[in-house]
Amino acid sequence: VEQCAVFQGGVCFNLTRMDRILNLNTDDFYVTVEPGVTRKTLNAHLRDSGLWFPVDPGADASLCGMAATSASGTNAVRYGTMRDNVINLEVVLPDGRVLSTAGEERSFRKTSAGYNLTGLFVGSEGTLGFITKATLRLYGVPEATVCAVCSFPSVQAAVDSTVQILQCGIPIARIEFLDDVMVDACNKYNALSYPVRPTLFLEFHGTETGVKEQVQQT
């Protein structure tokens, strides 16, 4: 059972109405949000700033919930998971004390001072306390996005290709693998016509020239 499930005698908090975006710093590429703010809501708010938050689990989850569960997504290969993108958390502990894991109002990306309390609470699923604020790292919106689909004669060939792409240092944004069974299921469900073979779905982010070079290198 997940730690977020409420056991007999447990307590469930509904924080969805705490839905403010508290502080957006476009110069230092970070934002502070309350637990009711979702990923899509944040990116809609950021639309005119030239910034975005790239961690993208399948559901439109709340950002503090994503931190509590250490969520990931298809962009993880380039932008990392929630653990890599949480700068600071405000957490209410079981005894009622309020803790800022990186220090109150701090947004340092690099520090060697003390314990990594932020990393401790990311993925703790409410067992250590519940998150009431999260300061998150933002990125510049890429100028261009290009997608590619490559099919392979075997699973091993697809895996070997993935390893080679990563070893070459190509800054690929997404690289997702589907075996022939999954490709066939997707074809049937969505009326698609991909070859029923092991397949890689790739996405490249960058400038117009940069993504062309990435595709050629890949």
C-alpha atoms as a PDB file:
ATOM      1  CA  VAL A   1       0.000   0.000   0.000  1.00  0.00           C
ATOM      2  CA  GLU A   2       1.304   3.475  -0.817  1.00  0.00           C
ATOM      3  CA  GLN A   3       2.269   5.647   2.142  1.00  0.00           C
ATOM      4  CA  CYS A   4      -0.209   8.295   0.952  1.00  0.00           C
ATOM      5  CA  ALA A   5      -3.127   5.942   1.663  1.00  0.00           C
ATOM      6  CA  VAL A   6      -4.925   6.736   4.923  1.00  0.00           C
ATOM      7  CA  PHE A   7      -4.783   3.936   7.476  1.00  0.00           C
ATOM      8  CA  GLN A   8      -7.305   3.384  10.266  1.00  0.00           C
ATOM      9  CA  GLY A   9      -6.843   6.226  12.730  1.00  0.00           C
ATOM     10  CA  GLY A  10      -4.930   8.292  10.181  1.00  0.00           C
ATOM     11  CA  VAL A  11      -5.634  11.839   9.052  1.00  0.00           C
ATOM     12  CA  CYS A  12      -6.194  13.106   5.510  1.00  0.00           C
ATOM     13  CA  PHE A  13      -5.631  16.802   4.698  1.00  0.00           C
ATOM     14  CA  ASN A  14      -7.272  18.466   1.692  1.00  0.00           C
ATOM     15  CA  LEU A  15      -5.006  21.331   0.591  1.00  0.00           C
ATOM     16  CA  THR A  16      -6.503  21.962  -2.852  1.00  0.00           C
ATOM     17  CA  ARG A  17      -7.786  25.413  -1.857  1.00  0.00           C
ATOM     18  CA  MET A  18      -4.239  26.526  -1.068  1.00  0.00           C
ATOM     19  CA  ASP A  19      -3.716  27.254  -4.754  1.00  0.00           C
ATOM     20  CA  ARG A  20      -1.655  30.441  -4.981  1.00  0.00           C
ATOM     21  CA  ILE A  21       1.505  30.979  -7.019  1.00  0.00           C
ATOM     22  CA  LEU A  22       3.382  32.962  -4.391  1.00  0.00           C
ATOM     23  CA  ASN A  23       6.590  34.122  -6.031  1.00  0.00           C
ATOM     24  CA  LEU A  24       7.901  33.945  -9.597  1.00  0.00           C
ATOM     25  CA  ASN A  25      11.534  34.981 -10.081  1.00  0.00           C
ATOM     26  CA  THR A  26      12.268  35.071 -13.806  1.00  0.00           C
ATOM     27  CA  ASP A  27      15.858  36.248 -13.277  1.00  0.00           C
ATOM     28  CA  ASP A  28      16.817  33.309 -11.062  1.00  0.00           C
ATOM     29  CA  PHE A  29      14.516  30.754 -12.738  1.00  0.00           C
ATOM     30  CA  TYR A  30      12.425  29.633  -9.794  1.00  0.00           C
ATOM     31  CA  VAL A  31       8.847  29.783  -8.550  1.00  0.00           C
ATOM     32  CA  THR A  32       7.200  29.159  -5.173  1.00  0.00           C
ATOM     33  CA  VAL A  33       3.759  27.543  -5.127  1.00  0.00           C
ATOM     34  CA  GLU A  34       1.193  26.313  -2.632  1.00  0.00           C
ATOM     35  CA  PRO A  35       0.073  22.653  -2.612  1.00  0.00           C
ATOM     36  CA  GLY A  36      -3.105  23.186  -4.650  1.00  0.00           C
ATOM     37  CA  VAL A  37      -1.266  24.448  -7.747  1.00  0.00           C
ATOM     38  CA  THR A  38      -1.111  21.839 -10.523  1.00  0.00           C
ATOM     39  CA  ARG A  39       1.511  21.388 -13.199  1.00  0.00           C
ATOM     40  CA  LYS A  40      -0.734  22.609 -16.020  1.00  0.00           C
ATOM     41  CA  THR A  41      -1.891  25.618 -13.999  1.00  0.00           C
ATOM     42  CA  LEU A  42       1.707  26.641 -13.362  1.00  0.00           C
ATOM     43  CA  ASN A  43       2.747  26.292 -16.998  1.00  0.00           C
ATOM     44  CA  ALA A  44      -0.290  28.297 -18.106  1.00  0.00           C
ATOM     45  CA  HIS A  45       0.748  31.023 -15.654  1.00  0.00           C
ATOM     46  CA  LEU A  46       4.315  30.920 -17.031  1.00  0.00           C
ATOM     47  CA  ARG A  47       3.262  31.056 -20.682  1.00  0.00           C
ATOM     48  CA  ASP A  48       4.256  34.704 -21.260  1.00  0.00           C
ATOM     49  CA  SER A  49       7.420  34.566 -19.156  1.00  0.00           C
ATOM     50  CA  GLY A  50       9.504  32.399 -21.496  1.00  0.00           C
ATOM     51  CA  LEU A  51       9.844  29.790 -18.754  1.00  0.00           C
ATOM     52  CA  TRP A  52       8.260  26.419 -18.042  1.00  0.00           C
ATOM     53  CA  PHE A  53       8.319  23.531 -15.577  1.00  0.00           C
ATOM     54  CA  PRO A  54       9.122  20.363 -17.553  1.00  0.00           C
ATOM     55  CA  VAL A  55       8.505  17.466 -15.138  1.00  0.00           C
ATOM     56  CA  ASP A  56       5.428  15.782 -16.616  1.00  0.00           C
ATOM     57  CA  PRO A  57       3.837  12.726 -14.982  1.00  0.00           C
ATOM     58  CA  GLY A  58       0.846  11.394 -16.887  1.00  0.00           C
ATOM     59  CA  ALA A  59      -1.745  13.083 -14.693  1.00  0.00           C
ATOM     60  CA  ASP A  60      -2.121  16.827 -14.098  1.00  0.00           C
ATOM     61  CA  ALA A  61      -0.939  16.410 -10.540  1.00  0.00           C
ATOM     62  CA  SER A  62      -0.458  19.044  -7.860  1.00  0.00           C
ATOM     63  CA  LEU A  63       3.156  20.168  -7.683  1.00  0.00           C
ATOM     64  CA  CYS A  64       3.542  19.593  -3.944  1.00  0.00           C
ATOM     65  CA  GLY A  65       1.987  16.159  -4.421  1.00  0.00           C
ATOM     66  CA  MET A  66       4.538  15.504  -7.149  1.00  0.00           C
ATOM     67  CA  ALA A  67       7.274  16.474  -4.695  1.00  0.00           C
ATOM     68  CA  ALA A  68       5.803  14.267  -1.960  1.00  0.00           C
ATOM     69  CA  THR A  69       5.823  11.253  -4.292  1.00  0.00           C
ATOM     70  CA  SER A  70       9.057  12.130  -6.153  1.00  0.00           C
ATOM     71  CA  ALA A  71       7.178  12.078  -9.443  1.00  0.00           C
ATOM     72  CA  SER A  72       8.883  11.671 -12.786  1.00  0.00           C
ATOM     73  CA  GLY A  73       7.883  11.841 -16.439  1.00  0.00           C
ATOM     74  CA  THR A  74       8.988  11.458 -20.030  1.00  0.00           C
ATOM     75  CA  ASN A  75      11.231  14.552 -19.833  1.00  0.00           C
ATOM     76  CA  ALA A  76      13.353  13.035 -17.053  1.00  0.00           C
ATOM     77  CA  VAL A  77      16.189  12.076 -19.394  1.00  0.00           C
ATOM     78  CA  ARG A  78      17.041  15.762 -19.876  1.00  0.00           C
ATOM     79  CA  TYR A  79      15.387  17.691 -17.059  1.00  0.00           C
ATOM     80  CA  GLY A  80      15.437  15.128 -14.264  1.00  0.00           C
ATOM     81  CA  THR A  81      12.717  14.116 -11.810  1.00  0.00           C
ATOM     82  CA  MET A  82      11.070  16.112  -9.018  1.00  0.00           C
ATOM     83  CA  ARG A  83      14.017  15.278  -6.771  1.00  0.00           C
ATOM     84  CA  ASP A  84      16.284  17.212  -9.147  1.00  0.00           C
ATOM     85  CA  ASN A  85      13.952  20.211  -9.459  1.00  0.00           C
ATOM     86  CA  VAL A  86      12.808  21.003  -5.919  1.00  0.00           C
ATOM     87  CA  ILE A  87      14.901  23.797  -4.390  1.00  0.00           C
ATOM     88  CA  ASN A  88      13.107  24.312  -1.075  1.00  0.00           C
ATOM     89  CA  LEU A  89      10.049  23.040   0.792  1.00  0.00           C
ATOM     90  CA  GLU A  90       7.945  24.391   3.621  1.00  0.00           C
ATOM     91  CA  VAL A  91       6.777  21.408   5.656  1.00  0.00           C
ATOM     92  CA  VAL A  92       4.490  21.081   8.676  1.00  0.00           C
ATOM     93  CA  LEU A  93       5.870  18.392  10.986  1.00  0.00           C
ATOM     94  CA  PRO A  94       3.701  15.994  13.033  1.00  0.00           C
ATOM     95  CA  ASP A  95       4.223  18.089  16.188  1.00  0.00           C
ATOM     96  CA  GLY A  96       3.007  21.251  14.439  1.00  0.00           C
ATOM     97  CA  ARG A  97       6.379  22.883  13.849  1.00  0.00           C
ATOM     98  CA  VAL A  98       6.954  24.512  10.453  1.00  0.00           C
ATOM     99  CA  LEU A  99      10.238  23.693   8.706  1.00  0.00           C
ATOM    100  CA  SER A 100      11.859  25.213   5.612  1.00  0.00           C
ATOM    101  CA  THR A 101      14.112  22.451   4.337  1.00  0.00           C
ATOM    102  CA  ALA A 102      16.702  24.764   2.740  1.00  0.00           C
ATOM    103  CA  GLY A 103      16.170  27.703   5.084  1.00  0.00           C
ATOM    104  CA  GLU A 104      13.361  30.242   5.135  1.00  0.00           C
ATOM    105  CA  GLU A 105      12.914  32.069   1.803  1.00  0.00           C
ATOM    106  CA  ARG A 106      16.104  30.511   0.428  1.00  0.00           C
ATOM    107  CA  SER A 107      16.374  29.449  -3.201  1.00  0.00           C
ATOM    108  CA  PHE A 108      20.004  28.427  -3.625  1.00  0.00           C
ATOM    109  CA  ARG A 109      20.574  25.782  -6.270  1.00  0.00           C
ATOM    110  CA  LYS A 110      24.001  24.891  -4.973  1.00  0.00           C
ATOM    111  CA  THR A 111      24.924  24.566  -1.323  1.00  0.00           C
ATOM    112  CA  SER A 112      27.173  22.349   0.768  1.00  0.00           C
ATOM    113  CA  ALA A 113      25.821  23.503   4.124  1.00  0.00           C
ATOM    114  CA  GLY A 114      24.237  20.938   6.411  1.00  0.00           C
ATOM    115  CA  TYR A 115      21.979  17.995   5.692  1.00  0.00           C
ATOM    116  CA  ASN A 116      19.963  17.697   2.481  1.00  0.00           C
ATOM    117  CA  LEU A 117      16.573  17.979   4.159  1.00  0.00           C
ATOM    118  CA  THR A 118      14.865  18.845   0.877  1.00  0.00           C
ATOM    119  CA  GLY A 119      15.959  15.522  -0.596  1.00  0.00           C
ATOM    120  CA  LEU A 120      14.761  13.750   2.549  1.00  0.00           C
ATOM    121  CA  PHE A 121      11.207  15.093   2.240  1.00  0.00           C
ATOM    122  CA  VAL A 122      10.934  14.637  -1.546  1.00  0.00           C
ATOM    123  CA  GLY A 123       9.385  11.202  -1.958  1.00  0.00           C
ATOM    124  CA  SER A 124       8.455  10.815   1.722  1.00  0.00           C
ATOM    125  CA  GLU A 125       4.725  10.632   0.815  1.00  0.00           C
ATOM    126  CA  GLY A 126       3.506  12.439   3.920  1.00  0.00           C
ATOM    127  CA  THR A 127       5.208  10.144   6.411  1.00  0.00           C
ATOM    128  CA  LEU A 128       7.509  12.894   7.754  1.00  0.00           C
ATOM    129  CA  GLY A 129       5.150  15.857   7.428  1.00  0.00           C
ATOM    130  CA  PHE A 130       3.010  17.534   4.808  1.00  0.00           C
ATOM    131  CA  ILE A 131       4.207  20.098   2.289  1.00  0.00           C
ATOM    132  CA  THR A 132       2.644  23.571   2.337  1.00  0.00           C
ATOM    133  CA  LYS A 133       4.999  25.338  -0.100  1.00  0.00           C
ATOM    134  CA  ALA A 134       7.435  24.229  -2.782  1.00  0.00           C
ATOM    135  CA  THR A 135      10.105  26.271  -4.537  1.00  0.00           C
ATOM    136  CA  LEU A 136      10.794  24.756  -7.943  1.00  0.00           C
ATOM    137  CA  ARG A 137      13.421  25.153 -10.613  1.00  0.00           C
ATOM    138  CA  LEU A 138      12.261  26.542 -13.971  1.00  0.00           C
ATOM    139  CA  TYR A 139      13.727  26.320 -17.485  1.00  0.00           C
ATOM    140  CA  GLY A 140      13.658  28.420 -20.607  1.00  0.00           C
ATOM    141  CA  VAL A 141      11.018  27.374 -23.141  1.00  0.00           C
ATOM    142  CA  PRO A 142      12.855  25.763 -26.081  1.00  0.00           C
ATOM    143  CA  GLU A 143      12.737  27.667 -29.350  1.00  0.00           C
ATOM    144  CA  ALA A 144      12.055  24.510 -31.338  1.00  0.00           C
ATOM    145  CA  THR A 145      10.771  20.992 -30.675  1.00  0.00           C
ATOM    146  CA  VAL A 146      11.246  18.069 -33.052  1.00  0.00           C
ATOM    147  CA  CYS A 147       9.923  14.517 -32.636  1.00  0.00           C
ATOM    148  CA  ALA A 148      11.153  11.287 -34.196  1.00  0.00           C
ATOM    149  CA  VAL A 149      10.066   7.638 -34.244  1.00  0.00           C
ATOM    150  CA  CYS A 150      12.533   4.792 -34.848  1.00  0.00           C
ATOM    151  CA  SER A 151      11.651   1.099 -35.044  1.00  0.00           C
ATOM    152  CA  PHE A 152      14.165  -1.715 -34.503  1.00  0.00           C
ATOM    153  CA  PRO A 153      14.426  -5.416 -35.345  1.00  0.00           C
ATOM    154  CA  SER A 154      14.791  -6.387 -31.670  1.00  0.00           C
ATOM    155  CA  VAL A 155      14.517  -5.079 -28.130  1.00  0.00           C
ATOM    156  CA  GLN A 156      18.279  -5.379 -27.705  1.00  0.00           C
ATOM    157  CA  ALA A 157      18.903  -3.221 -30.774  1.00  0.00           C
ATOM    158  CA  ALA A 158      16.644  -0.496 -29.361  1.00  0.00           C
ATOM    159  CA  VAL A 159      18.368  -0.661 -25.967  1.00  0.00           C
ATOM    160  CA  ASP A 160      21.832  -0.524 -27.549  1.00  0.00           C
ATOM    161  CA  SER A 161      20.798   2.502 -29.596  1.00  0.00           C
ATOM    162  CA  THR A 162      19.527   4.279 -26.475  1.00  0.00           C
ATOM    163  CA  VAL A 163      22.809   3.667 -24.660  1.00  0.00           C
ATOM    164  CA  GLN A 164      24.802   4.978 -27.625  1.00  0.00           C
ATOM    165  CA  ILE A 165      22.656   8.136 -27.855  1.00  0.00           C
ATOM    166  CA  LEU A 166      23.189   8.912 -24.173  1.00  0.00           C
ATOM    167  CA  GLN A 167      26.905   8.106 -24.305  1.00  0.00           C
ATOM    168  CA  CYS A 168      27.327  10.557 -27.198  1.00  0.00           C
ATOM    169  CA  GLY A 169      26.080  13.358 -24.960  1.00  0.00           C
ATOM    170  CA  ILE A 170      23.159  14.313 -27.191  1.00  0.00           C
ATOM    171  CA  PRO A 171      20.863  16.497 -25.015  1.00  0.00           C
ATOM    172  CA  ILE A 172      17.744  14.567 -25.941  1.00  0.00           C
ATOM    173  CA  ALA A 173      14.570  15.698 -24.164  1.00  0.00           C
ATOM    174  CA  ARG A 174      12.538  12.485 -24.281  1.00  0.00           C
ATOM    175  CA  ILE A 175      13.331   8.914 -25.231  1.00  0.00           C
ATOM    176  CA  GLU A 176      10.574   6.368 -24.618  1.00  0.00           C
ATOM    177  CA  PHE A 177      10.687   2.668 -25.478  1.00  0.00           C
ATOM    178  CA  LEU A 178       7.700   0.515 -26.480  1.00  0.00           C
ATOM    179  CA  ASP A 179       8.037  -3.164 -27.333  1.00  0.00           C
ATOM    180  CA  ASP A 180       6.086  -4.723 -30.191  1.00  0.00           C
ATOM    181  CA  VAL A 181       3.189  -5.735 -27.919  1.00  0.00           C
ATOM    182  CA  MET A 182       2.715  -2.167 -26.680  1.00  0.00           C
ATOM    183  CA  VAL A 183       3.049  -0.712 -30.182  1.00  0.00           C
ATOM    184  CA  ASP A 184       0.350  -3.096 -31.407  1.00  0.00           C
ATOM    185  CA  ALA A 185      -1.911  -2.119 -28.495  1.00  0.00           C
ATOM    186  CA  CYS A 186      -1.398   1.598 -29.206  1.00  0.00           C
ATOM    187  CA  ASN A 187      -2.137   1.062 -32.893  1.00  0.00           C
ATOM    188  CA  LYS A 188      -5.413  -0.689 -32.098  1.00  0.00           C
ATOM    189  CA  TYR A 189      -6.512   1.744 -29.398  1.00  0.00           C
ATOM    190  CA  ASN A 190      -5.702   4.955 -31.288  1.00  0.00           C
ATOM    191  CA  ALA A 191      -6.150   3.744 -34.896  1.00  0.00           C
ATOM    192  CA  LEU A 192      -2.437   4.267 -35.651  1.00  0.00           C
ATOM    193  CA  SER A 193      -0.231   2.479 -38.149  1.00  0.00           C
ATOM    194  CA  TYR A 194       3.228   2.223 -36.591  1.00  0.00           C
ATOM    195  CA  PRO A 195       5.274  -0.870 -37.570  1.00  0.00           C
ATOM    196  CA  VAL A 196       4.685  -3.544 -34.927  1.00  0.00           C
ATOM    197  CA  ARG A 197       8.285  -3.712 -33.785  1.00  0.00           C
ATOM    198  CA  PRO A 198      10.304  -2.470 -30.808  1.00  0.00           C
ATOM    199  CA  THR A 199      10.191   1.313 -31.157  1.00  0.00           C
ATOM    200  CA  LEU A 200      11.806   4.417 -29.693  1.00  0.00           C
ATOM    201  CA  PHE A 201       9.871   7.688 -29.518  1.00  0.00           C
ATOM    202  CA  LEU A 202      12.230  10.651 -29.270  1.00  0.00           C
ATOM    203  CA  GLU A 203      11.889  14.403 -28.763  1.00  0.00           C
ATOM    204  CA  PHE A 204      14.535  17.089 -29.157  1.00  0.00           C
ATOM    205  CA  HIS A 205      14.508  20.606 -27.656  1.00  0.00           C
ATOM    206  CA  GLY A 206      16.671  23.576 -28.592  1.00  0.00           C
ATOM    207  CA  THR A 207      17.177  26.169 -31.288  1.00  0.00           C
ATOM    208  CA  GLU A 208      16.115  25.481 -34.879  1.00  0.00           C
ATOM    209  CA  THR A 209      19.722  24.732 -35.823  1.00  0.00           C
ATOM    210  CA  GLY A 210      20.410  22.838 -32.622  1.00  0.00           C
ATOM    211  CA  VAL A 211      17.553  20.354 -32.953  1.00  0.00           C
ATOM    212  CA  LYS A 212      18.533  19.620 -36.564  1.00  0.00           C
ATOM    213  CA  GLU A 213      22.057  18.792 -35.393  1.00  0.00           C
ATOM    214  CA  GLN A 214      20.694  16.604 -32.585  1.00  0.00           C
ATOM    215  CA  VAL A 215      18.515  14.652 -35.028  1.00  0.00           C
ATOM    216  CA  GLN A 216      21.429  14.171 -37.420  1.00  0.00           C
ATOM    217  CA  GLN A 217      23.718  12.978 -34.611  1.00  0.00           C
ATOM    218  CA  THR A 218      21.077  10.579 -33.347  1.00  0.00           C
END
